[in-house]
C-alpha atoms as a PDB file:
ATOM      1  CA  UNK A   1       3.750  17.847   9.839  1.00  0.00           C
ATOM      2  CA  UNK A   2       0.936  17.614   7.345  1.00  0.00           C
ATOM      3  CA  UNK A   3      -2.512  16.391   8.448  1.00  0.00           C
ATOM      4  CA  UNK A   4      -1.970  12.605   8.642  1.00  0.00           C
ATOM      5  CA  UNK A   5      -4.043   9.902  10.298  1.00  0.00           C
ATOM      6  CA  UNK A   6      -3.615   6.144  10.188  1.00  0.00           C
ATOM      7  CA  UNK A   7      -6.463   3.964  11.429  1.00  0.00           C
ATOM      8  CA  UNK A   8      -7.667   0.392  10.947  1.00  0.00           C
ATOM      9  CA  UNK A   9      -9.934   0.109   7.894  1.00  0.00           C
ATOM     10  CA  UNK A  10     -12.480  -1.772  10.014  1.00  0.00           C
ATOM     11  CA  UNK A  11     -13.602  -3.903   7.062  1.00  0.00           C
ATOM     12  CA  UNK A  12     -12.048  -6.464   4.760  1.00  0.00           C
ATOM     13  CA  UNK A  13     -10.195  -4.663   1.972  1.00  0.00           C
ATOM     14  CA  UNK A  14      -9.361  -6.292  -1.378  1.00  0.00           C
ATOM     15  CA  UNK A  15      -6.910  -5.132  -4.057  1.00  0.00           C
ATOM     16  CA  UNK A  16      -7.149  -6.518  -7.602  1.00  0.00           C
ATOM     17  CA  UNK A  17      -5.069  -5.997 -10.734  1.00  0.00           C
ATOM     18  CA  UNK A  18      -6.645  -7.049 -14.003  1.00  0.00           C
ATOM     19  CA  UNK A  19      -9.345  -8.853 -12.026  1.00  0.00           C
ATOM     20  CA  UNK A  20      -6.772 -10.930 -10.098  1.00  0.00           C
ATOM     21  CA  UNK A  21      -6.683 -10.593  -6.287  1.00  0.00           C
ATOM     22  CA  UNK A  22      -3.232  -9.477  -5.138  1.00  0.00           C
ATOM     23  CA  UNK A  23      -4.117  -8.507  -1.549  1.00  0.00           C
ATOM     24  CA  UNK A  24      -6.970  -9.162   0.848  1.00  0.00           C
ATOM     25  CA  UNK A  25      -6.971  -8.232   4.506  1.00  0.00           C
ATOM     26  CA  UNK A  26      -9.309  -7.821   7.454  1.00  0.00           C
ATOM     27  CA  UNK A  27      -6.622  -5.760   9.225  1.00  0.00           C
ATOM     28  CA  UNK A  28      -5.575  -3.242   6.566  1.00  0.00           C
ATOM     29  CA  UNK A  29      -4.757   0.312   7.639  1.00  0.00           C
ATOM     30  CA  UNK A  30      -6.144   3.434   5.970  1.00  0.00           C
ATOM     31  CA  UNK A  31      -3.988   6.539   5.694  1.00  0.00           C
ATOM     32  CA  UNK A  32      -5.676   9.902   5.358  1.00  0.00           C
ATOM     33  CA  UNK A  33      -3.351  12.690   4.306  1.00  0.00           C
ATOM     34  CA  UNK A  34      -4.725  16.183   3.860  1.00  0.00           C
ATOM     35  CA  UNK A  35      -6.882  16.522   0.719  1.00  0.00           C
ATOM     36  CA  UNK A  36      -5.568  13.288  -0.869  1.00  0.00           C
ATOM     37  CA  UNK A  37      -7.830  10.275  -1.310  1.00  0.00           C
ATOM     38  CA  UNK A  38      -7.510   7.704   1.498  1.00  0.00           C
ATOM     39  CA  UNK A  39      -4.809   5.088   0.838  1.00  0.00           C
ATOM     40  CA  UNK A  40      -5.028   1.507   2.070  1.00  0.00           C
ATOM     41  CA  UNK A  41      -1.976  -0.279   3.454  1.00  0.00           C
ATOM     42  CA  UNK A  42      -2.044  -4.087   3.523  1.00  0.00           C
ATOM     43  CA  UNK A  43       0.041  -6.244   5.890  1.00  0.00           C
ATOM     44  CA  UNK A  44       2.699  -8.045   3.819  1.00  0.00           C
ATOM     45  CA  UNK A  45       1.321 -11.366   5.095  1.00  0.00           C
ATOM     46  CA  UNK A  46      -1.937 -10.557   3.257  1.00  0.00           C
ATOM     47  CA  UNK A  47      -0.261  -9.563  -0.027  1.00  0.00           C
ATOM     48  CA  UNK A  48       0.577 -12.000  -2.825  1.00  0.00           C
ATOM     49  CA  UNK A  49       4.287 -11.283  -2.715  1.00  0.00           C
ATOM     50  CA  UNK A  50       4.755 -13.638  -5.689  1.00  0.00           C
ATOM     51  CA  UNK A  51       3.058 -10.913  -7.781  1.00  0.00           C
ATOM     52  CA  UNK A  52       5.583  -8.285  -6.631  1.00  0.00           C
ATOM     53  CA  UNK A  53       9.198  -7.866  -7.698  1.00  0.00           C
ATOM     54  CA  UNK A  54      11.426  -5.530  -5.680  1.00  0.00           C
ATOM     55  CA  UNK A  55      12.423  -2.349  -7.496  1.00  0.00           C
ATOM     56  CA  UNK A  56      15.502  -0.207  -7.048  1.00  0.00           C
ATOM     57  CA  UNK A  57      13.304   2.885  -6.689  1.00  0.00           C
ATOM     58  CA  UNK A  58      12.973   4.677  -3.366  1.00  0.00           C
ATOM     59  CA  UNK A  59      11.556   8.073  -2.480  1.00  0.00           C
ATOM     60  CA  UNK A  60      11.686  10.245   0.612  1.00  0.00           C
ATOM     61  CA  UNK A  61       8.599  11.867   2.125  1.00  0.00           C
ATOM     62  CA  UNK A  62       9.351  14.389   4.876  1.00  0.00           C
ATOM     63  CA  UNK A  63       6.298  13.151   6.816  1.00  0.00           C
ATOM     64  CA  UNK A  64       6.351   9.369   6.240  1.00  0.00           C
ATOM     65  CA  UNK A  65      10.012   8.530   5.635  1.00  0.00           C
ATOM     66  CA  UNK A  66      11.617   6.474   2.866  1.00  0.00           C
ATOM     67  CA  UNK A  67       9.387   4.381   0.600  1.00  0.00           C
ATOM     68  CA  UNK A  68      10.672   1.287  -1.176  1.00  0.00           C
ATOM     69  CA  UNK A  69       8.876   0.082  -4.318  1.00  0.00           C
ATOM     70  CA  UNK A  70       7.830  -3.094  -6.136  1.00  0.00           C
ATOM     71  CA  UNK A  71       6.762  -3.839  -9.699  1.00  0.00           C
ATOM     72  CA  UNK A  72       3.353  -5.535  -9.783  1.00  0.00           C
ATOM     73  CA  UNK A  73       2.603  -8.352 -12.254  1.00  0.00           C
ATOM     74  CA  UNK A  74      -0.922  -9.789 -12.184  1.00  0.00           C
ATOM     75  CA  UNK A  75      -4.025 -10.127 -14.312  1.00  0.00           C
ATOM     76  CA  UNK A  76      -2.002  -9.869 -17.519  1.00  0.00           C
ATOM     77  CA  UNK A  77      -0.513  -6.498 -16.480  1.00  0.00           C
ATOM     78  CA  UNK A  78       2.904  -5.396 -15.341  1.00  0.00           C
ATOM     79  CA  UNK A  79       3.198  -2.004 -13.646  1.00  0.00           C
ATOM     80  CA  UNK A  80       6.613  -0.763 -12.572  1.00  0.00           C
ATOM     81  CA  UNK A  81       6.956   0.799  -9.126  1.00  0.00           C
ATOM     82  CA  UNK A  82       3.222   0.403  -8.500  1.00  0.00           C
ATOM     83  CA  UNK A  83       3.438  -0.786  -4.881  1.00  0.00           C
ATOM     84  CA  UNK A  84       5.374   0.714  -1.995  1.00  0.00           C
ATOM     85  CA  UNK A  85       6.032   0.477   1.720  1.00  0.00           C
ATOM     86  CA  UNK A  86       7.491   2.664   4.449  1.00  0.00           C
ATOM     87  CA  UNK A  87       9.560   0.134   6.392  1.00  0.00           C
ATOM     88  CA  UNK A  88      10.628   2.551   9.136  1.00  0.00           C
ATOM     89  CA  UNK A  89       7.900   5.196   9.441  1.00  0.00           C
ATOM     90  CA  UNK A  90       8.188   7.983  12.009  1.00  0.00           C
ATOM     91  CA  UNK A  91       6.560   8.154  15.426  1.00  0.00           C
ATOM     92  CA  UNK A  92       2.788   8.158  15.196  1.00  0.00           C
ATOM     93  CA  UNK A  93       2.770   6.101  11.998  1.00  0.00           C
ATOM     94  CA  UNK A  94       4.476   2.960  13.308  1.00  0.00           C
ATOM     95  CA  UNK A  95       1.507   0.817  12.215  1.00  0.00           C
ATOM     96  CA  UNK A  96       2.543   1.440   8.574  1.00  0.00           C
ATOM     97  CA  UNK A  97       5.684  -0.684   9.041  1.00  0.00           C
ATOM     98  CA  UNK A  98       5.354  -4.009   7.239  1.00  0.00           C
ATOM     99  CA  UNK A  99       2.424  -2.769   5.125  1.00  0.00           C
ATOM    100  CA  UNK A 100       2.196  -2.264   1.353  1.00  0.00           C
ATOM    101  CA  UNK A 101       0.058   0.178  -0.638  1.00  0.00           C
ATOM    102  CA  UNK A 102      -0.810   0.164  -4.351  1.00  0.00           C
ATOM    103  CA  UNK A 103      -1.297   3.020  -6.802  1.00  0.00           C
ATOM    104  CA  UNK A 104      -5.032   3.321  -7.523  1.00  0.00           C
ATOM    105  CA  UNK A 105      -4.447   3.580 -11.287  1.00  0.00           C
ATOM    106  CA  UNK A 106      -2.964   0.057 -11.141  1.00  0.00           C
ATOM    107  CA  UNK A 107      -4.916  -1.736  -8.427  1.00  0.00           C
ATOM    108  CA  UNK A 108      -8.618  -1.522  -7.759  1.00  0.00           C
ATOM    109  CA  UNK A 109      -8.989  -1.378  -3.969  1.00  0.00           C
ATOM    110  CA  UNK A 110     -12.388  -1.896  -2.349  1.00  0.00           C
ATOM    111  CA  UNK A 111     -13.844  -2.400   1.101  1.00  0.00           C
ATOM    112  CA  UNK A 112     -16.133  -5.406   1.425  1.00  0.00           C
END
């Protein structure tokens, strides 16, 4: 397995698209994976699901499982397959279940 760690962010995390808030959570998770930039995962309950439309895209990561995608529409932008979730992550990453992440070139994600 690659070097993965999933921990609570410890702060409120906000994701915006085109200046519009699409997610805000005090209980987001942060995934650190090798040399990649940290990625924030928001509980679905803290995501504006009305801004997301399910996609038919899915991908398989040997370390995290199958990701399902959504198209994001907010702030005057529409970005296909810009949000994803691992609904059934493997052992050690169970806290990712029910959480959604956003590509950083679409959503601006900041700790507050």
